[in-house]
């Protein structure tokens, strides 16, 4: 679509976006050269501008190569908002966040579409994945609920008649069963990872479980952000109904202290019902908001015979409530997407061993899988401390013994 349109309509602009510049160099640029060669288009008809990363064709149309890597200083991908494009293509859409896709989509339809009467089209190609593509495209397509302006086209390797005969045979021989289901048979709902603690449909349902009602028992859980950390996240809870009033980058300790104190006062949340992570910033917060609970994830579990530490125990409790559809989260679509992504790293470290204690994968492993810190997940996990802690039994009255007369 991109190359054909660029050749057909003079002076139009297009983009091809991938998550990293390295992927553009390794995979996208060679593919463009391959297509041009197949079409018989020689270098007399185009040149590549390596300084600004675009192909310019003989008719002055351009194809820009966009690096869509996450940037902490631009978490909403607003850098794409000023682009003026005719149409675009997101390659490997399963690697993209909703924010990146939304802002890239906002750039199309803004360059000579009116001149040529071209509809603003965004092509997204992908393998089955658990991000916005599942909820916005595949699931709606499966339920026959896609809006009329959106299309989902299921394409399998078997549909590509130019592949060598041995290609699919090699996939079946070398891939895991989960990879075969996804990449060969196009199964969006197959995941055989025994370490994943939550069902993906249950994760999606968290944002529409309106039957989960407030109880009047209110809590605040917060994952703090300092320099070098991604986000400061605050969840306010009424029973198992969670709202997320704060999700932002680096904040000074004083600002966090004041805003949490204001939330607690406004919502009538007692200090003993506030939990914060206990790194250096958590210690700072506790020193000013006396009486809040510090969350030390590495501490011994309450059920120490079953769980390796308190964070693992809380994480398994969170997974249990998610799978039972007992949590309702009310937040923006952008935050929903981040939470869904972070739920993919809610995994056990040692599910295959019946003898070992249950343990969550490490924070470093989560960061490697996500490419960022799972701050929303941490906030949700910390809330579970109030569900697993021993219940206070209150003071027992002393038995009064009345001496007998002698």
Protein backbone atom coordinates (compact mmCIF):
# COMPACT_ATOMS: atom_id res chain seq x y z
CA UNK A 1 0.00 0.00 0.00
CA UNK A 2 2.69 2.50 1.03
CA UNK A 3 5.03 2.06 -1.93
CA UNK A 4 2.23 1.85 -4.49
CA UNK A 5 0.50 4.97 -3.20
CA UNK A 6 3.75 6.92 -3.05
CA UNK A 7 4.48 6.11 -6.69
CA UNK A 8 0.92 6.85 -7.80
CA UNK A 9 0.29 10.18 -6.06
CA UNK A 10 3.04 12.84 -6.46
CA UNK A 11 4.28 14.81 -3.44
CA UNK A 12 2.46 12.68 -0.86
CA UNK A 13 4.03 11.66 2.46
CA UNK A 14 3.90 8.28 4.23
CA UNK A 15 5.50 6.62 7.22
CA UNK A 16 6.60 3.13 8.19
CA UNK A 17 6.96 2.82 11.97
CA UNK A 18 8.74 0.18 14.02
CA UNK A 19 9.56 0.04 17.70
CA UNK A 20 13.29 0.64 17.25
CA UNK A 21 15.58 2.24 14.70
CA UNK A 22 17.68 -0.94 14.71
CA UNK A 23 14.70 -2.96 13.44
CA UNK A 24 14.15 -0.41 10.67
CA UNK A 25 17.76 -0.78 9.57
CA UNK A 26 17.91 -4.57 9.87
CA UNK A 27 14.53 -5.51 8.44
CA UNK A 28 12.46 -2.68 6.96
CA UNK A 29 15.02 -0.99 4.70
CA UNK A 30 16.18 -4.28 3.10
CA UNK A 31 12.52 -5.21 2.52
CA UNK A 32 11.88 -1.89 0.75
CA UNK A 33 14.86 -2.48 -1.54
CA UNK A 34 13.61 -6.01 -2.20
CA UNK A 35 10.13 -4.75 -3.16
CA UNK A 36 11.52 -2.03 -5.42
CA UNK A 37 13.74 -4.58 -7.16
CA UNK A 38 10.80 -6.95 -7.60
CA UNK A 39 8.78 -4.13 -9.15
CA UNK A 40 11.63 -3.23 -11.49
CA UNK A 41 12.14 0.19 -9.89
CA UNK A 42 15.78 1.23 -10.20
CA UNK A 43 17.66 3.80 -8.13
CA UNK A 44 17.00 6.33 -10.85
CA UNK A 45 13.49 6.60 -9.39
CA UNK A 46 14.38 7.07 -5.71
CA UNK A 47 17.11 7.85 -3.22
CA UNK A 48 17.45 7.29 0.52
CA UNK A 49 18.17 10.24 2.81
CA UNK A 50 20.11 8.67 5.68
CA UNK A 51 20.29 11.88 7.70
CA UNK A 52 16.52 12.24 8.07
CA UNK A 53 15.56 8.62 7.36
CA UNK A 54 13.23 8.84 4.39
CA UNK A 55 13.00 7.54 0.84
CA UNK A 56 12.27 10.25 -1.71
CA UNK A 57 10.80 9.10 -5.02
CA UNK A 58 11.18 10.68 -8.44
CA UNK A 59 7.74 12.36 -8.06
CA UNK A 60 8.77 14.00 -4.74
CA UNK A 61 6.71 11.63 -2.62
CA UNK A 62 8.40 10.53 0.59
CA UNK A 63 8.33 7.44 2.81
CA UNK A 64 9.56 8.27 6.32
CA UNK A 65 11.00 5.60 8.62
CA UNK A 66 9.79 6.27 12.18
CA UNK A 67 11.48 5.03 15.34
CA UNK A 68 8.66 4.54 17.88
CA UNK A 69 10.80 3.57 20.85
CA UNK A 70 9.42 4.51 24.28
CA UNK A 71 10.99 7.69 25.62
CA UNK A 72 10.48 8.52 29.35
CA UNK A 73 10.56 12.24 28.53
CA UNK A 74 7.71 11.74 26.03
CA UNK A 75 5.56 8.96 27.54
CA UNK A 76 2.49 9.90 25.46
CA UNK A 77 4.43 9.95 22.14
CA UNK A 78 3.43 13.55 21.51
CA UNK A 79 6.44 13.93 19.22
CA UNK A 80 4.33 12.30 16.49
CA UNK A 81 1.52 14.83 16.84
CA UNK A 82 3.12 17.46 14.62
CA UNK A 83 3.74 15.11 11.68
CA UNK A 84 1.69 15.63 8.52
CA UNK A 85 1.27 12.39 6.63
CA UNK A 86 -0.99 11.05 3.90
CA UNK A 87 -1.11 7.44 5.11
CA UNK A 88 0.97 5.17 7.31
CA UNK A 89 2.01 1.66 8.27
CA UNK A 90 2.82 0.27 11.71
CA UNK A 91 4.96 -2.84 11.37
CA UNK A 92 4.95 -5.44 14.19
CA UNK A 93 2.01 -3.75 15.90
CA UNK A 94 2.18 -6.16 18.83
CA UNK A 95 5.24 -4.24 20.05
CA UNK A 96 3.41 -0.88 20.14
CA UNK A 97 1.50 0.83 22.92
CA UNK A 98 -1.90 2.37 22.37
CA UNK A 99 -0.42 5.85 22.89
CA UNK A 100 2.12 5.34 20.11
CA UNK A 101 -0.52 4.00 17.74
CA UNK A 102 -2.99 6.78 18.55
CA UNK A 103 -0.53 9.60 17.92
CA UNK A 104 0.79 8.02 14.74
CA UNK A 105 -2.79 7.64 13.54
CA UNK A 106 -3.43 11.31 14.32
CA UNK A 107 -0.73 12.28 11.81
CA UNK A 108 -2.39 10.71 8.75
CA UNK A 109 -4.93 12.39 6.51
CA UNK A 110 -3.06 15.69 6.78
CA UNK A 111 -1.00 15.85 3.58
CA UNK A 112 -2.68 16.20 0.17
CA UNK A 113 -5.48 13.73 1.01
CA UNK A 114 -7.96 16.37 -0.15
CA UNK A 115 -6.08 16.90 -3.42
CA UNK A 116 -6.27 13.23 -4.40
CA UNK A 117 -9.42 12.40 -2.41
CA UNK A 118 -7.54 9.75 -0.41
CA UNK A 119 -9.05 8.33 2.77
CA UNK A 120 -6.62 8.48 5.72
CA UNK A 121 -5.61 4.84 6.14
CA UNK A 122 -3.40 3.24 8.77
CA UNK A 123 -2.18 -0.29 8.06
CA UNK A 124 -1.05 -2.29 11.09
CA UNK A 125 0.59 -5.67 10.58
CA UNK A 126 1.26 -7.97 13.50
CA UNK A 127 1.39 -11.42 15.00
CA UNK A 128 -1.28 -12.36 17.57
CA UNK A 129 -0.57 -10.38 20.73
CA UNK A 130 -2.10 -9.33 24.03
CA UNK A 131 -2.28 -5.57 23.60
CA UNK A 132 -4.78 -3.09 22.13
CA UNK A 133 -4.88 -5.15 18.92
CA UNK A 134 -6.60 -7.99 20.76
CA UNK A 135 -9.35 -5.85 22.27
CA UNK A 136 -9.77 -3.27 19.49
CA UNK A 137 -9.50 -5.56 16.47
CA UNK A 138 -9.40 -9.32 16.95
CA UNK A 139 -12.00 -9.64 19.71
CA UNK A 140 -14.45 -7.25 18.00
CA UNK A 141 -13.92 -9.07 14.69
CA UNK A 142 -14.56 -12.43 16.36
CA UNK A 143 -17.76 -11.09 17.95
CA UNK A 144 -18.83 -9.43 14.68
CA UNK A 145 -18.75 -6.01 16.35
CA UNK A 146 -16.08 -4.20 14.34
CA UNK A 147 -17.09 -0.63 13.43
CA UNK A 148 -17.65 -0.14 9.69
CA UNK A 149 -14.51 1.98 9.26
CA UNK A 150 -12.20 -0.67 10.72
CA UNK A 151 -11.10 -3.96 9.14
CA UNK A 152 -9.36 -7.07 10.44
CA UNK A 153 -7.75 -9.40 7.89
CA UNK A 154 -6.51 -12.75 9.15
CA UNK A 155 -3.44 -13.80 7.16
CA UNK A 156 -1.52 -17.04 7.75
CA UNK A 157 1.87 -18.22 6.46
CA UNK A 158 0.01 -20.70 4.26
CA UNK A 159 -1.51 -17.75 2.37
CA UNK A 160 1.91 -16.60 1.15
CA UNK A 161 2.43 -18.56 -2.06
CA UNK A 162 5.99 -17.27 -2.49
CA UNK A 163 7.33 -18.96 0.66
CA UNK A 164 9.63 -21.96 0.18
CA UNK A 165 7.96 -25.32 0.72
CA UNK A 166 10.25 -26.00 3.68
CA UNK A 167 9.42 -22.77 5.57
CA UNK A 168 6.31 -23.93 7.43
CA UNK A 169 7.85 -27.35 7.97
CA UNK A 170 10.77 -25.61 9.69
CA UNK A 171 8.41 -23.60 11.91
CA UNK A 172 6.58 -26.73 13.02
CA UNK A 173 9.85 -28.44 13.80
CA UNK A 174 11.57 -25.63 15.71
CA UNK A 175 8.91 -23.52 17.45
CA UNK A 176 7.29 -24.17 20.82
CA UNK A 177 3.64 -25.21 20.87
CA UNK A 178 2.60 -21.71 21.91
CA UNK A 179 4.60 -20.15 19.06
CA UNK A 180 3.14 -22.62 16.57
CA UNK A 181 -0.40 -21.77 17.65
CA UNK A 182 0.27 -18.04 17.34
CA UNK A 183 2.60 -17.78 14.35
CA UNK A 184 1.45 -20.71 12.19
CA UNK A 185 -2.25 -21.04 13.01
CA UNK A 186 -2.96 -17.42 13.97
CA UNK A 187 -4.43 -18.32 17.36
CA UNK A 188 -4.78 -15.13 19.43
CA UNK A 189 -6.04 -16.87 22.54
CA UNK A 190 -3.43 -19.58 22.99
CA UNK A 191 -0.78 -19.27 25.68
CA UNK A 192 0.79 -22.38 27.15
CA UNK A 193 3.13 -20.54 29.51
CA UNK A 194 2.42 -22.33 32.81
CA UNK A 195 4.06 -19.48 34.71
CA UNK A 196 1.52 -16.84 33.70
CA UNK A 197 -0.78 -16.31 36.67
CA UNK A 198 -3.76 -14.60 35.01
CA UNK A 199 -6.14 -15.30 32.16
CA UNK A 200 -5.97 -12.53 29.57
CA UNK A 201 -9.73 -12.26 29.18
CA UNK A 202 -9.95 -11.86 32.96
CA UNK A 203 -7.40 -9.04 32.70
CA UNK A 204 -9.52 -7.29 30.06
CA UNK A 205 -12.64 -7.80 32.19
CA UNK A 206 -11.10 -5.85 35.08
CA UNK A 207 -12.07 -2.63 33.32
CA UNK A 208 -15.73 -3.59 32.85
CA UNK A 209 -16.53 -5.57 36.03
CA UNK A 210 -19.21 -3.07 37.05
CA UNK A 211 -20.87 -5.68 39.26
CA UNK A 212 -17.94 -5.30 41.69
CA UNK A 213 -19.37 -2.75 44.12
CA UNK A 214 -17.75 -0.40 46.64
CA UNK A 215 -17.79 -1.65 50.23
CA UNK A 216 -16.91 1.51 52.14
CA UNK A 217 -13.52 0.06 53.18
CA UNK A 218 -11.08 2.49 51.62
CA UNK A 219 -7.36 2.16 50.90
CA UNK A 220 -4.55 3.88 49.01
CA UNK A 221 -1.63 2.02 47.42
CA UNK A 222 1.19 3.92 45.74
CA UNK A 223 4.33 3.08 43.80
CA UNK A 224 6.62 6.08 44.05
CA UNK A 225 8.79 7.56 41.31
CA UNK A 226 12.17 9.18 41.68
CA UNK A 227 14.94 10.04 39.28
CA UNK A 228 15.56 7.17 36.89
CA UNK A 229 12.18 5.55 37.56
CA UNK A 230 9.26 5.55 35.16
CA UNK A 231 6.07 6.53 36.91
CA UNK A 232 4.54 7.58 40.18
CA UNK A 233 1.27 5.67 40.42
CA UNK A 234 -1.46 6.09 43.03
CA UNK A 235 -4.47 3.80 43.33
CA UNK A 236 -7.44 4.73 45.51
CA UNK A 237 -9.62 1.82 46.54
CA UNK A 238 -13.15 1.35 47.82
CA UNK A 239 -13.19 -2.36 48.51
CA UNK A 240 -12.02 -3.88 45.22
CA UNK A 241 -12.99 -0.90 43.08
CA UNK A 242 -9.80 0.92 42.09
CA UNK A 243 -9.37 4.37 40.60
CA UNK A 244 -6.01 5.76 39.48
CA UNK A 245 -5.99 9.53 40.07
CA UNK A 246 -2.23 9.93 39.67
CA UNK A 247 0.08 8.40 37.06
CA UNK A 248 3.02 10.63 36.20
CA UNK A 249 6.78 10.70 35.93
CA UNK A 250 9.37 11.95 38.39
CA UNK A 251 7.96 13.97 41.28
CA UNK A 252 9.61 15.60 44.26
CA UNK A 253 9.06 13.96 47.62
CA UNK A 254 7.21 17.00 48.97
CA UNK A 255 4.71 16.92 46.10
CA UNK A 256 4.00 13.22 46.64
CA UNK A 257 3.58 13.73 50.36
CA UNK A 258 1.12 16.60 49.94
CA UNK A 259 -0.98 14.97 47.22
CA UNK A 260 -1.30 11.65 49.04
CA UNK A 261 -2.22 13.45 52.27
CA UNK A 262 -4.86 15.44 50.38
CA UNK A 263 -6.29 12.28 48.78
CA UNK A 264 -6.39 10.51 52.14
CA UNK A 265 -8.20 13.42 53.79
CA UNK A 266 -10.69 13.85 50.96
CA UNK A 267 -11.51 10.14 50.77
CA UNK A 268 -11.32 9.60 54.54
CA UNK A 269 -8.63 6.94 54.27
CA UNK A 270 -6.87 6.32 57.60
CA UNK A 271 -3.08 6.24 57.63
CA UNK A 272 -3.08 2.55 58.52
CA UNK A 273 -4.89 1.88 55.21
CA UNK A 274 -2.19 3.51 53.06
CA UNK A 275 0.65 1.38 51.69
CA UNK A 276 3.77 2.58 49.87
CA UNK A 277 6.82 0.80 48.48
CA UNK A 278 9.67 0.90 50.98
CA UNK A 279 12.67 1.99 48.93
CA UNK A 280 14.35 5.29 49.79
CA UNK A 281 11.33 7.31 48.70
CA UNK A 282 8.97 5.07 50.61
CA UNK A 283 11.01 5.70 53.73
CA UNK A 284 10.79 9.43 53.02
CA UNK A 285 7.02 9.27 52.70
CA UNK A 286 6.56 7.24 55.87
CA UNK A 287 8.71 9.68 57.82
CA UNK A 288 6.27 12.50 56.99
CA UNK A 289 2.99 10.58 56.85
CA UNK A 290 3.27 8.78 60.15
CA UNK A 291 1.40 5.53 60.46
CA UNK A 292 1.29 4.43 56.82
CA UNK A 293 2.37 0.90 55.96
CA UNK A 294 5.73 0.38 54.26
CA UNK A 295 5.77 -2.47 51.76
CA UNK A 296 8.96 -4.53 51.94
CA UNK A 297 8.53 -7.04 49.12
CA UNK A 298 11.42 -9.20 50.24
CA UNK A 299 10.08 -9.76 53.74
CA UNK A 300 8.88 -13.18 54.83
CA UNK A 301 5.41 -14.14 53.67
CA UNK A 302 2.57 -14.46 56.13
CA UNK A 303 2.03 -17.96 54.74
CA UNK A 304 5.76 -18.67 54.75
CA UNK A 305 5.28 -22.38 54.07
CA UNK A 306 3.74 -21.62 50.67
CA UNK A 307 5.30 -18.36 49.45
CA UNK A 308 8.89 -17.22 49.16
CA UNK A 309 8.22 -13.64 50.27
CA UNK A 310 5.42 -11.18 50.97
CA UNK A 311 5.41 -9.72 47.45
CA UNK A 312 4.94 -13.16 45.92
CA UNK A 313 2.09 -13.87 48.33
CA UNK A 314 0.40 -10.59 47.41
CA UNK A 315 0.95 -11.20 43.68
CA UNK A 316 -0.69 -14.62 43.81
CA UNK A 317 -3.60 -13.11 45.74
CA UNK A 318 -3.96 -10.42 43.07
CA UNK A 319 -4.00 -13.07 40.34
CA UNK A 320 -6.65 -15.03 42.22
CA UNK A 321 -8.97 -12.02 42.48
CA UNK A 322 -8.41 -11.06 38.84
CA UNK A 323 -9.24 -14.56 37.61
CA UNK A 324 -12.36 -14.60 39.80
CA UNK A 325 -13.46 -11.25 38.29
CA UNK A 326 -13.49 -9.63 41.73
CA UNK A 327 -11.58 -6.44 40.83
CA UNK A 328 -12.89 -3.40 38.93
CA UNK A 329 -10.39 -0.77 37.73
CA UNK A 330 -11.66 2.61 36.52
CA UNK A 331 -9.07 4.51 34.48
CA UNK A 332 -8.30 6.03 31.08
CA UNK A 333 -7.84 3.83 27.97
CA UNK A 334 -4.13 4.71 27.98
CA UNK A 335 -3.69 3.47 31.54
CA UNK A 336 -5.75 0.36 30.73
CA UNK A 337 -3.29 -0.48 28.00
CA UNK A 338 -0.29 -0.12 30.30
CA UNK A 339 -1.91 -2.31 32.94
CA UNK A 340 -2.68 -5.00 30.35
CA UNK A 341 0.94 -4.93 29.22
CA UNK A 342 2.22 -5.20 32.77
CA UNK A 343 -0.09 -8.12 33.53
CA UNK A 344 1.83 -10.15 30.94
CA UNK A 345 4.78 -10.24 33.38
CA UNK A 346 2.70 -11.39 36.35
CA UNK A 347 4.46 -14.74 36.27
CA UNK A 348 5.62 -17.37 38.68
CA UNK A 349 9.30 -18.24 38.81
CA UNK A 350 8.95 -21.93 39.59
CA UNK A 351 5.51 -23.27 38.67
CA UNK A 352 6.96 -26.57 37.49
CA UNK A 353 8.32 -27.49 40.90
CA UNK A 354 5.85 -28.74 43.48
CA UNK A 355 8.51 -28.75 46.18
CA UNK A 356 9.62 -25.11 45.92
CA UNK A 357 7.77 -22.21 47.45
CA UNK A 358 5.68 -20.05 45.15
CA UNK A 359 7.70 -17.09 43.95
CA UNK A 360 7.16 -14.19 41.55
CA UNK A 361 9.73 -13.53 38.82
CA UNK A 362 12.19 -10.79 39.78
CA UNK A 363 11.63 -7.08 39.18
CA UNK A 364 14.69 -7.00 36.90
CA UNK A 365 13.23 -9.80 34.77
CA UNK A 366 9.95 -7.90 34.52
CA UNK A 367 11.79 -4.78 33.38
CA UNK A 368 13.66 -6.74 30.73
CA UNK A 369 10.42 -8.23 29.39
CA UNK A 370 8.52 -4.93 29.43
CA UNK A 371 11.30 -2.50 28.63
CA UNK A 372 10.23 -0.40 31.63
CA UNK A 373 9.28 -0.66 35.28
CA UNK A 374 5.90 -2.35 36.04
CA UNK A 375 4.70 0.49 38.28
CA UNK A 376 0.95 -0.09 37.86
CA UNK A 377 1.37 -3.78 38.63
CA UNK A 378 3.39 -2.95 41.74
CA UNK A 379 0.64 -0.63 42.94
CA UNK A 380 -1.98 -3.36 42.48
CA UNK A 381 0.18 -5.98 44.20
CA UNK A 382 0.74 -3.74 47.24
CA UNK A 383 -3.02 -3.34 47.74
CA UNK A 384 -3.23 -7.07 48.44
CA UNK A 385 -1.32 -6.64 51.72
CA UNK A 386 -4.64 -5.66 53.29
CA UNK A 387 -6.23 -8.89 52.03
CA UNK A 388 -3.61 -11.34 53.28
CA UNK A 389 -2.57 -9.74 56.58
CA UNK A 390 -3.74 -11.52 59.75
CA UNK A 391 -7.02 -10.16 61.03
CA UNK A 392 -6.85 -8.39 64.35
CA UNK A 393 -8.88 -10.20 66.98
CA UNK A 394 -9.09 -7.26 69.37
CA UNK A 395 -8.39 -7.21 73.08
CA UNK A 396 -9.55 -10.11 75.14
CA UNK A 397 -11.31 -9.25 78.38
CA UNK A 398 -9.65 -10.57 81.48
CA UNK A 399 -11.53 -13.10 83.53
CA UNK A 400 -12.55 -11.60 86.86
CA UNK A 401 -12.01 -13.91 89.78
CA UNK A 402 -13.96 -13.10 92.91
CA UNK A 403 -12.28 -14.50 95.98
CA UNK A 404 -14.45 -16.65 98.19
CA UNK A 405 -14.93 -15.86 101.83
CA UNK A 406 -13.19 -18.01 104.36
